[in-house]
Amino acid sequence: MPEQPGLRDLKKAATRDALGLAAVRLAKVRGLHAVTADAIAAEAGVSTRTFHNYFANKEEAILQHLESSALVWFDILRARPAGEPIWTSLRHVAISVVTDPQRDLAETFAVARLVEAHPNVVARKLELHQSISRVLGEAIAERTGTDLDRDMYPNLLQMAVGGAVAAALNVWINNPTGATPEQLVEDAFDQLQAGIPDPREPKTN
């Protein structure tokens, strides 16, 4: 069983999250260029020195929101039963993420748009994405008895699942009164596991 974090670690994680959320709030209101480390620290109720204990700059603070959201996948996957089929585990992870009452999916999209509007932040996001993909890929490889550096399967699976969830949420954000995120993710997984059949072909029972 993984070791539970101590009180000190929990407080540090809470401070880091608070700074990341403060950076996002200010950037949405003022624009990223007008946001400073001093302003982020004040918004989070800590000193500027504390800010710099966690982040080198405001761009890193902005990306904290996306990083913490992505790492939730890893935590949920590691908590699933060891003998559970990998597709079942990953479907559970994806649905847990999009139905989490503490998670604002629209807010996550807003952060993503904010990042994409600033090329210097996009570059940092790509580095972050590679790091997080590595973590998730290794977790998938561990559960499937494969090697992330040598085998195609864990690499394909993590990219396919990540793409499926992104596609489902893109459909939802463009039509929020239609199917729910959970329904769209279920549909995405059904199609993936069926080999993404051509929708023009007749369905077989």
N, C-alpha and C. Protein backbone atom coordinates (compact mmCIF):
# COMPACT_ATOMS: atom_id res chain seq x y z
N MET A 1 0.85 -1.20 0.00
CA MET A 1 0.00 0.00 0.00
C MET A 1 0.88 1.25 0.00
N PRO A 2 0.59 2.26 -0.88
CA PRO A 2 1.41 3.46 -0.92
C PRO A 2 1.40 4.18 0.42
N GLU A 3 2.55 4.77 0.75
CA GLU A 3 2.65 5.52 2.00
C GLU A 3 1.81 6.78 1.94
N GLN A 4 1.03 7.03 3.01
CA GLN A 4 0.16 8.19 3.04
C GLN A 4 0.99 9.45 3.31
N PRO A 5 0.67 10.57 2.63
CA PRO A 5 1.43 11.79 2.86
C PRO A 5 1.20 12.33 4.26
N GLY A 6 2.25 12.94 4.84
CA GLY A 6 2.14 13.53 6.17
C GLY A 6 1.48 14.90 6.11
N LEU A 7 1.23 15.47 7.29
CA LEU A 7 0.57 16.77 7.36
C LEU A 7 1.37 17.84 6.65
N ARG A 8 2.69 17.82 6.80
CA ARG A 8 3.54 18.81 6.16
C ARG A 8 3.41 18.74 4.63
N ASP A 9 3.42 17.50 4.10
CA ASP A 9 3.28 17.34 2.66
C ASP A 9 1.92 17.81 2.17
N LEU A 10 0.88 17.53 2.95
CA LEU A 10 -0.46 17.97 2.57
C LEU A 10 -0.56 19.49 2.54
N LYS A 11 0.07 20.15 3.53
CA LYS A 11 0.04 21.61 3.57
C LYS A 11 0.80 22.20 2.38
N LYS A 12 1.92 21.58 2.03
CA LYS A 12 2.70 22.06 0.89
C LYS A 12 1.91 21.89 -0.41
N ALA A 13 1.23 20.76 -0.54
CA ALA A 13 0.43 20.52 -1.74
C ALA A 13 -0.73 21.52 -1.82
N ALA A 14 -1.34 21.82 -0.66
CA ALA A 14 -2.45 22.77 -0.64
C ALA A 14 -1.97 24.17 -1.03
N THR A 15 -0.79 24.56 -0.55
CA THR A 15 -0.24 25.87 -0.90
C THR A 15 0.07 25.94 -2.38
N ARG A 16 0.64 24.88 -2.91
CA ARG A 16 0.96 24.85 -4.33
C ARG A 16 -0.31 24.96 -5.18
N ASP A 17 -1.34 24.22 -4.78
CA ASP A 17 -2.61 24.29 -5.51
C ASP A 17 -3.23 25.68 -5.42
N ALA A 18 -3.16 26.28 -4.24
CA ALA A 18 -3.73 27.61 -4.05
C ALA A 18 -3.04 28.64 -4.92
N LEU A 19 -1.72 28.54 -5.03
CA LEU A 19 -0.97 29.47 -5.89
C LEU A 19 -1.33 29.25 -7.36
N GLY A 20 -1.47 27.99 -7.75
CA GLY A 20 -1.84 27.72 -9.14
C GLY A 20 -3.21 28.27 -9.48
N LEU A 21 -4.17 28.08 -8.59
CA LEU A 21 -5.52 28.60 -8.82
C LEU A 21 -5.54 30.12 -8.82
N ALA A 22 -4.75 30.73 -7.95
CA ALA A 22 -4.66 32.19 -7.92
C ALA A 22 -4.10 32.73 -9.23
N ALA A 23 -3.10 32.05 -9.76
CA ALA A 23 -2.51 32.47 -11.03
C ALA A 23 -3.53 32.39 -12.16
N VAL A 24 -4.32 31.33 -12.16
CA VAL A 24 -5.34 31.16 -13.20
C VAL A 24 -6.41 32.25 -13.08
N ARG A 25 -6.87 32.50 -11.86
CA ARG A 25 -7.92 33.52 -11.66
C ARG A 25 -7.45 34.88 -12.15
N LEU A 26 -6.25 35.26 -11.78
CA LEU A 26 -5.74 36.57 -12.17
C LEU A 26 -5.50 36.65 -13.68
N ALA A 27 -4.97 35.61 -14.26
CA ALA A 27 -4.69 35.61 -15.69
C ALA A 27 -5.98 35.72 -16.50
N LYS A 28 -7.05 35.09 -16.04
CA LYS A 28 -8.33 35.17 -16.75
C LYS A 28 -8.91 36.58 -16.70
N VAL A 29 -8.67 37.28 -15.59
CA VAL A 29 -9.23 38.63 -15.42
C VAL A 29 -8.35 39.69 -16.07
N ARG A 30 -7.05 39.60 -15.83
CA ARG A 30 -6.13 40.65 -16.26
C ARG A 30 -5.38 40.34 -17.55
N GLY A 31 -5.33 39.07 -17.91
CA GLY A 31 -4.45 38.66 -18.99
C GLY A 31 -3.11 38.25 -18.40
N LEU A 32 -2.50 37.23 -18.97
CA LEU A 32 -1.28 36.69 -18.39
C LEU A 32 -0.15 37.70 -18.33
N HIS A 33 -0.05 38.55 -19.33
CA HIS A 33 1.05 39.52 -19.37
C HIS A 33 1.00 40.49 -18.20
N ALA A 34 -0.18 40.75 -17.68
CA ALA A 34 -0.32 41.74 -16.60
C ALA A 34 -0.19 41.11 -15.22
N VAL A 35 -0.04 39.83 -15.15
CA VAL A 35 0.04 39.14 -13.86
C VAL A 35 1.50 39.06 -13.40
N THR A 36 1.72 39.28 -12.11
CA THR A 36 3.06 39.19 -11.54
C THR A 36 3.08 38.16 -10.41
N ALA A 37 4.29 37.78 -10.05
CA ALA A 37 4.44 36.86 -8.92
C ALA A 37 3.90 37.48 -7.64
N ASP A 38 4.14 38.78 -7.46
CA ASP A 38 3.65 39.49 -6.27
C ASP A 38 2.12 39.41 -6.20
N ALA A 39 1.47 39.62 -7.35
CA ALA A 39 0.01 39.60 -7.38
C ALA A 39 -0.53 38.21 -7.09
N ILE A 40 0.11 37.19 -7.63
CA ILE A 40 -0.33 35.82 -7.40
C ILE A 40 -0.20 35.47 -5.92
N ALA A 41 0.93 35.84 -5.33
CA ALA A 41 1.16 35.56 -3.91
C ALA A 41 0.10 36.25 -3.05
N ALA A 42 -0.18 37.52 -3.36
CA ALA A 42 -1.17 38.26 -2.58
C ALA A 42 -2.55 37.64 -2.72
N GLU A 43 -2.89 37.20 -3.93
CA GLU A 43 -4.19 36.57 -4.17
C GLU A 43 -4.34 35.28 -3.37
N ALA A 44 -3.23 34.55 -3.22
CA ALA A 44 -3.25 33.28 -2.49
C ALA A 44 -3.04 33.48 -0.99
N GLY A 45 -2.73 34.71 -0.58
CA GLY A 45 -2.54 34.99 0.84
C GLY A 45 -1.21 34.54 1.41
N VAL A 46 -0.17 34.52 0.56
CA VAL A 46 1.17 34.15 1.02
C VAL A 46 2.16 35.21 0.55
N SER A 47 3.41 35.07 0.97
CA SER A 47 4.44 36.02 0.57
C SER A 47 4.98 35.69 -0.82
N THR A 48 5.61 36.68 -1.45
CA THR A 48 6.24 36.45 -2.75
C THR A 48 7.36 35.42 -2.62
N ARG A 49 8.05 35.44 -1.48
CA ARG A 49 9.10 34.46 -1.25
C ARG A 49 8.52 33.04 -1.25
N THR A 50 7.36 32.89 -0.65
CA THR A 50 6.71 31.58 -0.66
C THR A 50 6.36 31.16 -2.07
N PHE A 51 5.88 32.10 -2.87
CA PHE A 51 5.58 31.80 -4.27
C PHE A 51 6.80 31.20 -4.95
N HIS A 52 7.96 31.85 -4.76
CA HIS A 52 9.17 31.40 -5.44
C HIS A 52 9.74 30.11 -4.85
N ASN A 53 9.25 29.72 -3.67
CA ASN A 53 9.62 28.41 -3.14
C ASN A 53 8.97 27.28 -3.93
N TYR A 54 7.87 27.61 -4.61
CA TYR A 54 7.12 26.61 -5.35
C TYR A 54 7.26 26.73 -6.86
N PHE A 55 7.38 27.94 -7.35
CA PHE A 55 7.42 28.17 -8.80
C PHE A 55 8.52 29.15 -9.17
N ALA A 56 9.15 28.89 -10.30
CA ALA A 56 10.18 29.80 -10.78
C ALA A 56 9.56 31.05 -11.41
N ASN A 57 8.34 30.92 -11.95
CA ASN A 57 7.71 32.04 -12.64
C ASN A 57 6.20 31.81 -12.72
N LYS A 58 5.51 32.79 -13.26
CA LYS A 58 4.04 32.72 -13.32
C LYS A 58 3.57 31.65 -14.30
N GLU A 59 4.37 31.38 -15.35
CA GLU A 59 3.98 30.36 -16.31
C GLU A 59 3.89 28.98 -15.64
N GLU A 60 4.84 28.69 -14.79
CA GLU A 60 4.80 27.41 -14.07
C GLU A 60 3.57 27.34 -13.16
N ALA A 61 3.24 28.47 -12.56
CA ALA A 61 2.06 28.48 -11.67
C ALA A 61 0.78 28.22 -12.46
N ILE A 62 0.68 28.81 -13.64
CA ILE A 62 -0.49 28.59 -14.49
C ILE A 62 -0.63 27.11 -14.83
N LEU A 63 0.49 26.48 -15.16
CA LEU A 63 0.46 25.07 -15.57
C LEU A 63 0.18 24.13 -14.40
N GLN A 64 0.31 24.62 -13.17
CA GLN A 64 0.04 23.78 -12.00
C GLN A 64 -1.36 23.19 -12.05
N HIS A 65 -2.33 23.97 -12.51
CA HIS A 65 -3.71 23.50 -12.57
C HIS A 65 -3.83 22.30 -13.50
N LEU A 66 -3.18 22.39 -14.67
CA LEU A 66 -3.24 21.28 -15.62
C LEU A 66 -2.45 20.08 -15.11
N GLU A 67 -1.32 20.34 -14.46
CA GLU A 67 -0.50 19.25 -13.94
C GLU A 67 -1.25 18.46 -12.87
N SER A 68 -1.86 19.16 -11.93
CA SER A 68 -2.56 18.46 -10.85
C SER A 68 -3.74 17.67 -11.39
N SER A 69 -4.41 18.21 -12.41
CA SER A 69 -5.54 17.50 -13.01
C SER A 69 -5.08 16.22 -13.68
N ALA A 70 -3.94 16.30 -14.38
CA ALA A 70 -3.44 15.13 -15.10
C ALA A 70 -2.94 14.04 -14.16
N LEU A 71 -2.29 14.43 -13.08
CA LEU A 71 -1.72 13.44 -12.17
C LEU A 71 -2.79 12.68 -11.38
N VAL A 72 -4.00 13.22 -11.36
CA VAL A 72 -5.10 12.48 -10.72
C VAL A 72 -5.30 11.13 -11.42
N TRP A 73 -5.09 11.11 -12.75
CA TRP A 73 -5.22 9.86 -13.51
C TRP A 73 -4.32 8.79 -12.91
N PHE A 74 -3.09 9.15 -12.65
CA PHE A 74 -2.11 8.21 -12.12
C PHE A 74 -2.55 7.68 -10.76
N ASP A 75 -3.00 8.57 -9.90
CA ASP A 75 -3.40 8.16 -8.54
C ASP A 75 -4.58 7.19 -8.58
N ILE A 76 -5.57 7.49 -9.42
CA ILE A 76 -6.75 6.62 -9.48
C ILE A 76 -6.38 5.27 -10.09
N LEU A 77 -5.54 5.28 -11.12
CA LEU A 77 -5.15 4.03 -11.76
C LEU A 77 -4.39 3.13 -10.79
N ARG A 78 -3.47 3.70 -10.04
CA ARG A 78 -2.69 2.90 -9.10
C ARG A 78 -3.56 2.29 -8.00
N ALA A 79 -4.72 2.90 -7.75
CA ALA A 79 -5.61 2.40 -6.69
C ALA A 79 -6.55 1.29 -7.16
N ARG A 80 -6.59 1.03 -8.47
CA ARG A 80 -7.48 0.00 -8.98
C ARG A 80 -6.95 -1.40 -8.66
N PRO A 81 -7.84 -2.41 -8.58
CA PRO A 81 -7.39 -3.79 -8.29
C PRO A 81 -6.34 -4.26 -9.28
N ALA A 82 -5.32 -4.94 -8.78
CA ALA A 82 -4.18 -5.33 -9.62
C ALA A 82 -4.60 -6.24 -10.77
N GLY A 83 -5.56 -7.13 -10.55
CA GLY A 83 -5.95 -8.08 -11.58
C GLY A 83 -7.03 -7.58 -12.53
N GLU A 84 -7.46 -6.37 -12.39
CA GLU A 84 -8.53 -5.84 -13.23
C GLU A 84 -8.04 -5.62 -14.66
N PRO A 85 -8.85 -5.95 -15.67
CA PRO A 85 -8.44 -5.69 -17.06
C PRO A 85 -8.11 -4.21 -17.25
N ILE A 86 -7.06 -3.94 -18.01
CA ILE A 86 -6.57 -2.57 -18.14
C ILE A 86 -7.61 -1.63 -18.74
N TRP A 87 -8.41 -2.12 -19.69
CA TRP A 87 -9.44 -1.26 -20.27
C TRP A 87 -10.50 -0.89 -19.24
N THR A 88 -10.85 -1.83 -18.39
CA THR A 88 -11.81 -1.55 -17.32
C THR A 88 -11.25 -0.50 -16.37
N SER A 89 -9.98 -0.66 -16.02
CA SER A 89 -9.34 0.29 -15.11
C SER A 89 -9.31 1.69 -15.70
N LEU A 90 -8.89 1.80 -16.95
CA LEU A 90 -8.75 3.11 -17.57
C LEU A 90 -10.11 3.77 -17.81
N ARG A 91 -11.12 2.96 -18.13
CA ARG A 91 -12.47 3.51 -18.27
C ARG A 91 -12.93 4.09 -16.92
N HIS A 92 -12.68 3.35 -15.85
CA HIS A 92 -13.04 3.83 -14.52
C HIS A 92 -12.31 5.14 -14.20
N VAL A 93 -11.03 5.19 -14.52
CA VAL A 93 -10.24 6.40 -14.26
C VAL A 93 -10.85 7.59 -14.99
N ALA A 94 -11.10 7.42 -16.28
CA ALA A 94 -11.61 8.53 -17.10
C ALA A 94 -12.96 9.01 -16.59
N ILE A 95 -13.85 8.10 -16.28
CA ILE A 95 -15.17 8.48 -15.80
C ILE A 95 -15.08 9.16 -14.44
N SER A 96 -14.19 8.66 -13.59
CA SER A 96 -14.00 9.27 -12.27
C SER A 96 -13.55 10.72 -12.41
N VAL A 97 -12.67 10.96 -13.36
CA VAL A 97 -12.14 12.32 -13.55
C VAL A 97 -13.24 13.27 -14.05
N VAL A 98 -14.02 12.84 -15.04
CA VAL A 98 -15.00 13.76 -15.63
C VAL A 98 -16.26 13.91 -14.78
N THR A 99 -16.45 13.02 -13.80
CA THR A 99 -17.63 13.14 -12.93
C THR A 99 -17.28 13.63 -11.53
N ASP A 100 -16.03 13.96 -11.29
CA ASP A 100 -15.59 14.43 -9.98
C ASP A 100 -16.29 15.76 -9.66
N PRO A 101 -17.11 15.82 -8.59
CA PRO A 101 -17.82 17.05 -8.27
C PRO A 101 -16.90 18.20 -7.87
N GLN A 102 -15.66 17.88 -7.51
CA GLN A 102 -14.70 18.92 -7.14
C GLN A 102 -13.97 19.49 -8.36
N ARG A 103 -14.23 18.93 -9.53
CA ARG A 103 -13.51 19.34 -10.73
C ARG A 103 -14.43 20.14 -11.66
N ASP A 104 -13.99 21.32 -12.03
CA ASP A 104 -14.75 22.17 -12.95
C ASP A 104 -14.16 21.97 -14.35
N LEU A 105 -14.84 21.17 -15.18
CA LEU A 105 -14.32 20.87 -16.51
C LEU A 105 -14.23 22.12 -17.39
N ALA A 106 -15.21 23.01 -17.24
CA ALA A 106 -15.17 24.25 -18.02
C ALA A 106 -13.96 25.09 -17.63
N GLU A 107 -13.62 25.06 -16.34
CA GLU A 107 -12.44 25.80 -15.87
C GLU A 107 -11.16 25.21 -16.47
N THR A 108 -11.10 23.89 -16.54
CA THR A 108 -9.93 23.25 -17.13
C THR A 108 -9.77 23.65 -18.59
N PHE A 109 -10.88 23.70 -19.32
CA PHE A 109 -10.82 24.13 -20.72
C PHE A 109 -10.37 25.59 -20.81
N ALA A 110 -10.85 26.41 -19.89
CA ALA A 110 -10.46 27.83 -19.90
C ALA A 110 -8.96 27.98 -19.69
N VAL A 111 -8.41 27.18 -18.80
CA VAL A 111 -6.97 27.21 -18.56
C VAL A 111 -6.22 26.77 -19.82
N ALA A 112 -6.72 25.71 -20.46
CA ALA A 112 -6.07 25.22 -21.67
C ALA A 112 -6.05 26.28 -22.76
N ARG A 113 -7.16 27.00 -22.91
CA ARG A 113 -7.21 28.08 -23.90
C ARG A 113 -6.25 29.20 -23.54
N LEU A 114 -6.18 29.49 -22.27
CA LEU A 114 -5.27 30.54 -21.79
C LEU A 114 -3.83 30.17 -22.12
N VAL A 115 -3.48 28.93 -21.90
CA VAL A 115 -2.13 28.45 -22.20
C VAL A 115 -1.84 28.53 -23.69
N GLU A 116 -2.79 28.08 -24.50
CA GLU A 116 -2.58 28.04 -25.95
C GLU A 116 -2.44 29.43 -26.56
N ALA A 117 -2.90 30.45 -25.85
CA ALA A 117 -2.80 31.82 -26.37
C ALA A 117 -1.42 32.43 -26.15
N HIS A 118 -0.55 31.72 -25.43
CA HIS A 118 0.78 32.26 -25.13
C HIS A 118 1.84 31.24 -25.52
N PRO A 119 2.55 31.46 -26.62
CA PRO A 119 3.53 30.50 -27.12
C PRO A 119 4.58 30.07 -26.10
N ASN A 120 5.03 31.00 -25.24
CA ASN A 120 6.04 30.61 -24.25
C ASN A 120 5.50 29.62 -23.23
N VAL A 121 4.19 29.73 -22.94
CA VAL A 121 3.58 28.79 -22.00
C VAL A 121 3.31 27.45 -22.69
N VAL A 122 2.99 27.51 -23.98
CA VAL A 122 2.75 26.28 -24.74
C VAL A 122 4.00 25.40 -24.73
N ALA A 123 5.17 26.03 -24.89
CA ALA A 123 6.42 25.27 -24.89
C ALA A 123 6.61 24.55 -23.55
N ARG A 124 6.31 25.24 -22.47
CA ARG A 124 6.42 24.61 -21.15
C ARG A 124 5.38 23.51 -20.98
N LYS A 125 4.20 23.73 -21.56
CA LYS A 125 3.15 22.73 -21.47
C LYS A 125 3.58 21.43 -22.17
N LEU A 126 4.26 21.56 -23.30
CA LEU A 126 4.71 20.37 -24.02
C LEU A 126 5.71 19.57 -23.18
N GLU A 127 6.59 20.28 -22.48
CA GLU A 127 7.53 19.60 -21.59
C GLU A 127 6.78 18.89 -20.47
N LEU A 128 5.79 19.57 -19.92
CA LEU A 128 4.98 18.98 -18.85
C LEU A 128 4.23 17.76 -19.35
N HIS A 129 3.67 17.88 -20.56
CA HIS A 129 2.91 16.77 -21.14
C HIS A 129 3.79 15.53 -21.29
N GLN A 130 5.01 15.71 -21.74
CA GLN A 130 5.91 14.58 -21.90
C GLN A 130 6.20 13.91 -20.57
N SER A 131 6.38 14.73 -19.54
CA SER A 131 6.67 14.19 -18.21
C SER A 131 5.49 13.40 -17.66
N ILE A 132 4.29 13.98 -17.79
CA ILE A 132 3.09 13.31 -17.27
C ILE A 132 2.77 12.06 -18.08
N SER A 133 2.96 12.13 -19.39
CA SER A 133 2.72 10.96 -20.23
C SER A 133 3.63 9.81 -19.82
N ARG A 134 4.84 10.15 -19.44
CA ARG A 134 5.78 9.13 -19.00
C ARG A 134 5.28 8.45 -17.72
N VAL A 135 4.79 9.25 -16.80
CA VAL A 135 4.30 8.71 -15.53
C VAL A 135 3.11 7.77 -15.76
N LEU A 136 2.15 8.23 -16.56
CA LEU A 136 0.96 7.40 -16.83
C LEU A 136 1.33 6.17 -17.64
N GLY A 137 2.21 6.36 -18.62
CA GLY A 137 2.63 5.23 -19.44
C GLY A 137 3.31 4.15 -18.63
N GLU A 138 4.14 4.55 -17.67
CA GLU A 138 4.81 3.57 -16.82
C GLU A 138 3.81 2.83 -15.94
N ALA A 139 2.77 3.52 -15.49
CA ALA A 139 1.74 2.86 -14.68
C ALA A 139 0.99 1.83 -15.52
N ILE A 140 0.70 2.16 -16.77
CA ILE A 140 0.02 1.22 -17.67
C ILE A 140 0.93 0.03 -17.96
N ALA A 141 2.20 0.30 -18.22
CA ALA A 141 3.14 -0.77 -18.51
C ALA A 141 3.27 -1.72 -17.32
N GLU A 142 3.30 -1.17 -16.13
CA GLU A 142 3.42 -1.99 -14.93
C GLU A 142 2.24 -2.94 -14.80
N ARG A 143 1.04 -2.44 -15.10
CA ARG A 143 -0.16 -3.26 -14.94
C ARG A 143 -0.34 -4.27 -16.07
N THR A 144 0.31 -4.04 -17.20
CA THR A 144 0.13 -4.94 -18.35
C THR A 144 1.36 -5.81 -18.62
N GLY A 145 2.37 -5.71 -17.76
CA GLY A 145 3.56 -6.53 -17.94
C GLY A 145 4.34 -6.16 -19.19
N THR A 146 4.31 -4.90 -19.56
CA THR A 146 5.02 -4.45 -20.76
C THR A 146 6.09 -3.43 -20.37
N ASP A 147 6.87 -3.00 -21.34
CA ASP A 147 7.96 -2.05 -21.12
C ASP A 147 7.68 -0.80 -21.95
N LEU A 148 7.59 0.33 -21.29
CA LEU A 148 7.25 1.58 -21.98
C LEU A 148 8.27 1.95 -23.04
N ASP A 149 9.52 1.61 -22.82
CA ASP A 149 10.59 1.99 -23.75
C ASP A 149 10.75 1.01 -24.91
N ARG A 150 10.20 -0.19 -24.76
CA ARG A 150 10.40 -1.19 -25.81
C ARG A 150 9.12 -1.65 -26.49
N ASP A 151 8.00 -1.53 -25.79
CA ASP A 151 6.74 -2.07 -26.31
C ASP A 151 5.80 -0.96 -26.79
N MET A 152 5.13 -1.24 -27.89
CA MET A 152 4.19 -0.27 -28.45
C MET A 152 2.93 -0.15 -27.61
N TYR A 153 2.49 -1.27 -27.02
CA TYR A 153 1.17 -1.31 -26.38
C TYR A 153 0.94 -0.21 -25.34
N PRO A 154 1.79 -0.04 -24.32
CA PRO A 154 1.49 0.99 -23.32
C PRO A 154 1.53 2.39 -23.90
N ASN A 155 2.37 2.61 -24.90
CA ASN A 155 2.43 3.92 -25.54
C ASN A 155 1.16 4.21 -26.32
N LEU A 156 0.72 3.24 -27.11
CA LEU A 156 -0.51 3.42 -27.87
C LEU A 156 -1.71 3.59 -26.96
N LEU A 157 -1.76 2.77 -25.90
CA LEU A 157 -2.93 2.79 -25.04
C LEU A 157 -3.09 4.13 -24.33
N GLN A 158 -2.00 4.66 -23.78
CA GLN A 158 -2.13 5.92 -23.07
C GLN A 158 -2.48 7.06 -24.01
N MET A 159 -1.96 7.04 -25.24
CA MET A 159 -2.29 8.10 -26.20
C MET A 159 -3.72 7.97 -26.70
N ALA A 160 -4.16 6.73 -26.92
CA ALA A 160 -5.53 6.50 -27.39
C ALA A 160 -6.55 6.93 -26.34
N VAL A 161 -6.30 6.56 -25.10
CA VAL A 161 -7.24 6.90 -24.03
C VAL A 161 -7.25 8.41 -23.78
N GLY A 162 -6.07 9.02 -23.74
CA GLY A 162 -6.02 10.47 -23.56
C GLY A 162 -6.73 11.21 -24.68
N GLY A 163 -6.53 10.73 -25.92
CA GLY A 163 -7.20 11.36 -27.06
C GLY A 163 -8.70 11.16 -27.03
N ALA A 164 -9.14 9.99 -26.57
CA ALA A 164 -10.58 9.71 -26.50
C ALA A 164 -11.26 10.64 -25.50
N VAL A 165 -10.65 10.82 -24.35
CA VAL A 165 -11.23 11.71 -23.35
C VAL A 165 -11.24 13.15 -23.84
N ALA A 166 -10.15 13.57 -24.47
CA ALA A 166 -10.09 14.94 -25.01
C ALA A 166 -11.17 15.14 -26.07
N ALA A 167 -11.36 14.15 -26.93
CA ALA A 167 -12.39 14.24 -27.97
C ALA A 167 -13.78 14.33 -27.36
N ALA A 168 -14.03 13.50 -26.34
CA ALA A 168 -15.34 13.52 -25.68
C ALA A 168 -15.62 14.88 -25.05
N LEU A 169 -14.62 15.44 -24.40
CA LEU A 169 -14.82 16.73 -23.74
C LEU A 169 -14.93 17.88 -24.74
N ASN A 170 -14.27 17.74 -25.88
CA ASN A 170 -14.43 18.75 -26.93
C ASN A 170 -15.87 18.77 -27.45
N VAL A 171 -16.44 17.58 -27.63
CA VAL A 171 -17.84 17.51 -28.06
C VAL A 171 -18.75 18.12 -27.00
N TRP A 172 -18.46 17.82 -25.74
CA TRP A 172 -19.30 18.34 -24.66
C TRP A 172 -19.20 19.86 -24.54
N ILE A 173 -18.01 20.41 -24.63
CA ILE A 173 -17.85 21.86 -24.44
C ILE A 173 -18.51 22.63 -25.57
N ASN A 174 -18.60 21.99 -26.77
CA ASN A 174 -19.26 22.65 -27.91
C ASN A 174 -20.78 22.46 -27.88
N ASN A 175 -21.25 21.49 -27.09
CA ASN A 175 -22.69 21.24 -27.00
C ASN A 175 -23.03 20.81 -25.57
N PRO A 176 -22.91 21.74 -24.61
CA PRO A 176 -23.08 21.38 -23.20
C PRO A 176 -24.49 20.94 -22.83
N THR A 177 -25.48 21.19 -23.68
CA THR A 177 -26.84 20.77 -23.38
C THR A 177 -27.15 19.38 -23.95
N GLY A 178 -26.17 18.77 -24.61
CA GLY A 178 -26.37 17.44 -25.18
C GLY A 178 -26.00 16.36 -24.18
N ALA A 179 -25.27 15.36 -24.65
CA ALA A 179 -24.85 14.26 -23.79
C ALA A 179 -23.92 14.77 -22.69
N THR A 180 -23.92 14.10 -21.56
CA THR A 180 -23.06 14.48 -20.44
C THR A 180 -21.63 14.03 -20.72
N PRO A 181 -20.65 14.61 -20.02
CA PRO A 181 -19.26 14.15 -20.18
C PRO A 181 -19.13 12.66 -19.92
N GLU A 182 -19.84 12.14 -18.93
CA GLU A 182 -19.76 10.70 -18.63
C GLU A 182 -20.26 9.87 -19.80
N GLN A 183 -21.41 10.27 -20.38
CA GLN A 183 -21.96 9.53 -21.51
C GLN A 183 -21.01 9.57 -22.71
N LEU A 184 -20.41 10.72 -22.94
CA LEU A 184 -19.51 10.86 -24.08
C LEU A 184 -18.23 10.05 -23.88
N VAL A 185 -17.72 10.00 -22.66
CA VAL A 185 -16.53 9.20 -22.39
C VAL A 185 -16.85 7.72 -22.54
N GLU A 186 -18.02 7.30 -22.05
CA GLU A 186 -18.43 5.90 -22.23
C GLU A 186 -18.49 5.56 -23.71
N ASP A 187 -19.08 6.44 -24.50
CA ASP A 187 -19.19 6.22 -25.94
C ASP A 187 -17.80 6.14 -26.57
N ALA A 188 -16.90 7.04 -26.15
CA ALA A 188 -15.54 7.05 -26.69
C ALA A 188 -14.83 5.73 -26.40
N PHE A 189 -14.97 5.23 -25.19
CA PHE A 189 -14.33 3.97 -24.84
C PHE A 189 -14.96 2.80 -25.60
N ASP A 190 -16.28 2.83 -25.75
CA ASP A 190 -16.95 1.77 -26.51
C ASP A 190 -16.40 1.72 -27.94
N GLN A 191 -16.23 2.88 -28.55
CA GLN A 191 -15.73 2.92 -29.92
C GLN A 191 -14.28 2.48 -30.00
N LEU A 192 -13.48 2.90 -29.02
CA LEU A 192 -12.07 2.48 -29.00
C LEU A 192 -11.97 0.97 -28.91
N GLN A 193 -12.71 0.39 -27.99
CA GLN A 193 -12.61 -1.05 -27.78
C GLN A 193 -13.21 -1.85 -28.93
N ALA A 194 -14.05 -1.20 -29.72
CA ALA A 194 -14.61 -1.85 -30.91
C ALA A 194 -13.73 -1.63 -32.13
N GLY A 195 -12.60 -0.95 -31.94
CA GLY A 195 -11.71 -0.69 -33.06
C GLY A 195 -12.07 0.52 -33.87
N ILE A 196 -12.83 1.43 -33.28
CA ILE A 196 -13.30 2.66 -33.95
C ILE A 196 -13.91 2.32 -35.31
N PRO A 197 -15.03 1.62 -35.32
CA PRO A 197 -15.64 1.23 -36.60
C PRO A 197 -16.13 2.44 -37.39
N ASP A 198 -16.13 2.31 -38.71
CA ASP A 198 -16.63 3.36 -39.60
C ASP A 198 -18.13 3.53 -39.33
N PRO A 199 -18.60 4.73 -38.97
CA PRO A 199 -20.02 4.93 -38.66
C PRO A 199 -20.93 4.71 -39.87
N ARG A 200 -20.35 4.69 -41.08
CA ARG A 200 -21.17 4.49 -42.29
C ARG A 200 -21.47 3.01 -42.53
N GLU A 201 -20.70 2.16 -41.85
CA GLU A 201 -20.92 0.73 -42.04
C GLU A 201 -22.08 0.26 -41.19
N PRO A 202 -22.87 -0.71 -41.66
CA PRO A 202 -24.01 -1.22 -40.86
C PRO A 202 -23.51 -1.89 -39.60
N LYS A 203 -24.24 -1.66 -38.50
CA LYS A 203 -23.87 -2.26 -37.22
C LYS A 203 -24.31 -3.71 -37.19
N THR A 204 -23.47 -4.53 -36.53
CA THR A 204 -23.81 -5.94 -36.38
C THR A 204 -24.12 -6.22 -34.93
N ASN A 205 -25.07 -7.10 -34.68
CA ASN A 205 -25.48 -7.44 -33.33
C ASN A 205 -24.57 -8.55 -32.77
